[in-house]
N, C-alpha and C. Protein backbone atom coordinates (compact mmCIF):
# COMPACT_ATOMS: atom_id res chain seq x y z
N UNK A 1 48.62 115.00 163.49
CA UNK A 1 47.76 115.67 162.51
C UNK A 1 47.73 114.83 161.24
N UNK A 2 46.56 114.50 160.78
CA UNK A 2 46.47 113.56 159.66
C UNK A 2 46.96 114.16 158.35
N UNK A 3 46.86 115.46 158.15
CA UNK A 3 47.38 116.03 156.91
C UNK A 3 48.87 115.75 156.80
N UNK A 4 49.57 115.85 157.89
CA UNK A 4 50.99 115.52 157.90
C UNK A 4 51.19 114.05 157.57
N UNK A 5 50.35 113.18 158.09
CA UNK A 5 50.46 111.75 157.80
C UNK A 5 50.29 111.49 156.30
N UNK A 6 49.36 112.18 155.67
CA UNK A 6 49.18 112.02 154.22
C UNK A 6 50.39 112.54 153.46
N UNK A 7 50.96 113.64 153.92
CA UNK A 7 52.15 114.18 153.27
C UNK A 7 53.32 113.21 153.40
N UNK A 8 53.48 112.62 154.56
CA UNK A 8 54.55 111.65 154.77
C UNK A 8 54.31 110.41 153.91
N UNK A 9 53.08 109.96 153.81
CA UNK A 9 52.74 108.81 152.98
C UNK A 9 53.14 109.05 151.53
N UNK A 10 52.70 110.16 150.96
CA UNK A 10 53.01 110.49 149.56
C UNK A 10 54.50 110.75 149.39
N UNK A 11 55.09 111.47 150.31
CA UNK A 11 56.52 111.77 150.23
C UNK A 11 57.37 110.51 150.26
N UNK A 12 57.02 109.59 151.14
CA UNK A 12 57.75 108.33 151.22
C UNK A 12 57.62 107.55 149.92
N UNK A 13 56.44 107.53 149.36
CA UNK A 13 56.22 106.82 148.10
C UNK A 13 57.03 107.44 146.95
N UNK A 14 57.25 108.74 147.03
CA UNK A 14 58.02 109.41 145.98
C UNK A 14 59.51 109.07 146.03
N UNK A 15 60.04 108.82 147.22
CA UNK A 15 61.48 108.61 147.35
C UNK A 15 61.88 107.15 147.59
N UNK A 16 60.91 106.29 147.87
CA UNK A 16 61.21 104.89 148.17
C UNK A 16 60.45 104.00 147.18
N UNK A 17 61.14 103.50 146.19
CA UNK A 17 60.51 102.74 145.11
C UNK A 17 59.78 101.50 145.62
N UNK A 18 60.39 100.77 146.53
CA UNK A 18 59.75 99.56 147.06
C UNK A 18 58.47 99.90 147.83
N UNK A 19 58.52 100.95 148.63
CA UNK A 19 57.34 101.42 149.36
C UNK A 19 56.24 101.79 148.38
N UNK A 20 56.61 102.51 147.33
CA UNK A 20 55.64 102.94 146.31
C UNK A 20 54.99 101.74 145.64
N UNK A 21 55.81 100.76 145.26
CA UNK A 21 55.28 99.56 144.61
C UNK A 21 54.31 98.82 145.54
N UNK A 22 54.66 98.72 146.80
CA UNK A 22 53.78 98.06 147.77
C UNK A 22 52.48 98.84 147.93
N UNK A 23 52.57 100.15 147.97
CA UNK A 23 51.38 100.99 148.11
C UNK A 23 50.43 100.81 146.94
N UNK A 24 50.98 100.61 145.76
CA UNK A 24 50.15 100.51 144.56
C UNK A 24 49.78 99.09 144.18
N UNK A 25 50.42 98.08 144.77
CA UNK A 25 50.22 96.71 144.31
C UNK A 25 49.83 95.73 145.41
N UNK A 26 48.79 96.02 146.12
CA UNK A 26 48.22 95.02 147.00
C UNK A 26 48.57 95.08 148.48
N UNK A 27 49.59 95.81 148.85
CA UNK A 27 49.96 95.87 150.27
C UNK A 27 49.48 97.16 150.92
N UNK A 28 48.62 97.87 150.23
CA UNK A 28 48.16 99.18 150.73
C UNK A 28 47.54 99.11 152.12
N UNK A 29 46.67 98.13 152.42
CA UNK A 29 46.10 98.10 153.78
C UNK A 29 47.16 97.99 154.87
N UNK A 30 48.19 97.21 154.62
CA UNK A 30 49.27 97.05 155.60
C UNK A 30 50.04 98.35 155.75
N UNK A 31 50.34 98.99 154.64
CA UNK A 31 51.08 100.26 154.68
C UNK A 31 50.27 101.34 155.37
N UNK A 32 49.00 101.45 155.05
CA UNK A 32 48.17 102.50 155.64
C UNK A 32 48.04 102.35 157.15
N UNK A 33 48.12 101.12 157.63
CA UNK A 33 48.01 100.89 159.08
C UNK A 33 49.17 101.53 159.84
N UNK A 34 50.26 101.82 159.15
CA UNK A 34 51.42 102.43 159.78
C UNK A 34 51.28 103.94 159.95
N UNK A 35 50.23 104.52 159.38
CA UNK A 35 50.05 105.97 159.40
C UNK A 35 48.82 106.35 160.21
N UNK A 36 48.89 107.50 160.86
CA UNK A 36 47.81 108.00 161.69
C UNK A 36 46.78 108.73 160.82
N UNK A 37 45.99 107.95 160.09
CA UNK A 37 44.99 108.51 159.19
C UNK A 37 43.61 108.44 159.83
N UNK A 38 42.75 109.36 159.44
CA UNK A 38 41.36 109.29 159.88
C UNK A 38 40.68 108.15 159.12
N UNK A 39 39.52 107.75 159.57
CA UNK A 39 38.77 106.69 158.89
C UNK A 39 38.45 107.11 157.45
N UNK A 40 38.10 108.37 157.25
CA UNK A 40 37.77 108.86 155.91
C UNK A 40 39.00 108.85 155.00
N UNK A 41 40.15 109.23 155.54
CA UNK A 41 41.38 109.22 154.76
C UNK A 41 41.77 107.80 154.38
N UNK A 42 41.65 106.90 155.33
CA UNK A 42 42.00 105.49 155.07
C UNK A 42 41.06 104.91 154.01
N UNK A 43 39.77 105.19 154.14
CA UNK A 43 38.78 104.70 153.18
C UNK A 43 39.06 105.25 151.79
N UNK A 44 39.38 106.55 151.70
CA UNK A 44 39.67 107.17 150.41
C UNK A 44 40.93 106.56 149.81
N UNK A 45 41.96 106.35 150.61
CA UNK A 45 43.21 105.79 150.12
C UNK A 45 43.03 104.36 149.62
N UNK A 46 42.18 103.61 150.28
CA UNK A 46 41.93 102.24 149.86
C UNK A 46 41.10 102.18 148.57
N UNK A 47 40.30 103.21 148.33
CA UNK A 47 39.40 103.21 147.17
C UNK A 47 40.06 103.67 145.88
N UNK A 48 41.19 104.36 145.97
CA UNK A 48 41.86 104.86 144.76
C UNK A 48 42.41 103.69 143.95
N UNK A 49 42.07 103.67 142.67
CA UNK A 49 42.57 102.63 141.76
C UNK A 49 43.48 103.29 140.74
N UNK A 50 44.77 102.96 140.81
CA UNK A 50 45.76 103.54 139.91
C UNK A 50 47.02 102.71 139.92
N UNK A 51 47.89 102.97 138.96
CA UNK A 51 49.16 102.27 138.93
C UNK A 51 50.34 103.24 139.01
N UNK A 52 50.06 104.49 139.42
CA UNK A 52 51.14 105.47 139.56
C UNK A 52 50.94 106.28 140.85
N UNK A 53 52.03 106.76 141.39
CA UNK A 53 51.93 107.55 142.61
C UNK A 53 51.24 108.88 142.33
N UNK A 54 51.46 109.43 141.14
CA UNK A 54 50.76 110.67 140.78
C UNK A 54 49.25 110.43 140.74
N UNK A 55 48.84 109.34 140.11
CA UNK A 55 47.42 109.00 140.07
C UNK A 55 46.85 108.76 141.45
N UNK A 56 47.65 108.15 142.32
CA UNK A 56 47.20 107.91 143.69
C UNK A 56 46.99 109.23 144.40
N UNK A 57 47.94 110.14 144.28
CA UNK A 57 47.84 111.43 144.96
C UNK A 57 46.64 112.23 144.44
N UNK A 58 46.47 112.24 143.13
CA UNK A 58 45.34 112.97 142.52
C UNK A 58 44.01 112.34 142.97
N UNK A 59 43.92 111.02 142.89
CA UNK A 59 42.70 110.34 143.30
C UNK A 59 42.37 110.55 144.76
N UNK A 60 43.38 110.52 145.60
CA UNK A 60 43.20 110.74 147.03
C UNK A 60 42.69 112.16 147.28
N UNK A 61 43.30 113.12 146.63
CA UNK A 61 42.89 114.52 146.76
C UNK A 61 41.44 114.71 146.31
N UNK A 62 41.10 114.12 145.18
CA UNK A 62 39.73 114.24 144.66
C UNK A 62 38.72 113.64 145.62
N UNK A 63 39.02 112.47 146.15
CA UNK A 63 38.08 111.81 147.07
C UNK A 63 37.94 112.58 148.37
N UNK A 64 38.99 113.17 148.84
CA UNK A 64 38.94 113.88 150.12
C UNK A 64 38.36 115.28 150.00
N UNK A 65 38.35 115.84 148.81
CA UNK A 65 37.83 117.19 148.63
C UNK A 65 36.33 117.23 148.39
N UNK A 66 35.71 116.06 148.24
CA UNK A 66 34.26 116.02 148.01
C UNK A 66 33.51 115.76 149.29
């Protein structure tokens, strides 16, 4: 279930500093490939521009709710 994949993605970023830095600083496509996301979720996650995990989560939520 992709909602669970998004929860694991955000949860991992919250507890693993290196993972979070990679998610926010250029390695996002590689990280996202490890998760069972839908095409829309992957596209939304790649489109979010932020330098914080909170901003990433908010941006992802906003993009997916429209």
